[in-house]
Amino acid sequence: MVALSAIEQYVHRRTLSRIPSRIHVSGTRGKSSVTRLVAAGLRAGTLSCLAKTTGTLARIILPDGSERPVYRPGGANIIEQLGIVKLAAKCDAQALVLECMAVKPSLHWVSEHKMVRATHGVITNIRADHLDVMGPTAADVAKAIAGMIPINGCLFTAESRYLNTLQAAAADRNTKLIHIGPDDIAAITSTDMSGFSYVEHRDNLALSLAICQHLGVDRSTALSGMWRAIPDPGALIDIPVSFFGRKITFVNAFAANDPVSTTMAWQAALARHPIVDKKIVIFNLRGDRSLRTKHLAQQCEFINELDHVVLTGSGADTFVRNATKAGRRIDHVKNFEDLSIDAFFERCIGLCGQRSLIVGVGNIGDMGLDITQHFNNRRQPMAKAADNSTVMNKDADQK
């Protein structure tokens, strides 16, 4: 068995050597978006590039930009990255962009040093999430994610708070760290952002452009490719709906599932749509993420300023109990856990006023995707410039 393992590892490393640029993307938020942006930018620069995103709707993005689902008969497992490497080599890809699948600290190291052996590492940001596995603090999350920093390579990151941790790990591995700081993010213009049909984040774009430029694709070429890319199903989108005279904007921010990201998503949505008479947030909760539910309930201070808080998924009792402990008001909390999607939609519409903002957070899986699709199927475009909206990813139609 040991000899077989050694042979397999030798063959795998030979396969890796056929792919000149290997980009391994990790972090708390934005991994899928950055993976897609980098791949699109490299394709625009005529580099043959294969990419793979993970999560609820894991996708392989082929060198021609087409996509196909990742087949997972036994569920998600980091071993599937080996097959993606083989596919990239078979396609003669010059670049491979892989979203890191690891959550456990030990698996971050295994994923990078045994499977990907990246030439370029990417850490989008570090926030307090998966604390039950990587915690108990965000500083511990930083140390866990630092396990995927490559040896003798380059590391790109837009993380600032835990930059010292990343710098120390990069130096230990003889890897050059390239920090995308506030000035780089501020240099992303409104014109740069206006080319997206969905709501992209400036730090994601700044990070992705820096990587593409490092790999020889000029900024304008990479940016044009990114504008044309298919957004991730979890991309932040605004969906305008006109429902029997009621003007509703639904914001798919279900990918936001830690308190910091969730608060930022809510504040950004309200800034885009400030003129509303009803403010509603849907928390799609996961029963297997009770610690996440606890932190959302306790740390999302904006809960008190909402007209309605809608709970779905599984974990309403945990949410209410912890919101109460934190001094949040709960008189406006609605538990819609057991409703069908049609009944859920009707109940949400019943909470709306003449002009309402509904933001979905917590988890894109299960009801999150269904809720988003339900609103999207009832889309009725209003002022395009104000809404910055987009149609749903075609992949969501298949779910």
Foldseek 3Di string as FASTA:
>chain_A
DVVVVVVVLVVLVVLLVLAQAEEEEAAQPDRQVLQQLLLLLVLLVVFQEWEWDDDPFIWIQGSVRDIDTDDDPPDDDLVVLSVVSNVCSVSSGNYYYYYDPDDALVVLLCSQPRHGLGQEYEYEEFDCDPQVRQHVHSLSVLLSNLSNAHACHEYEYQYDPNVVNNVVSCVVRVYHYDYCYPVLLVPCDPVLQLLALAHDHSSSLSRSLVVSVVVPRHNVSSSVSSSPHFGDLQTWFWFWFQDVQATEIETRNASAQAQVSVLVSLVVLCVLPVDFDFEEEEAEEEPVRLVSLLRNLQRNQCQQVGQAYEYEHDDPVSSVVNNVVNVHDCPRYHYPHPPDLVVVVVVVVVRGDRYYYYYYYRHCPDVNLVNVVVSLVRGDDDPCVSRSGDHRRPVSVVD
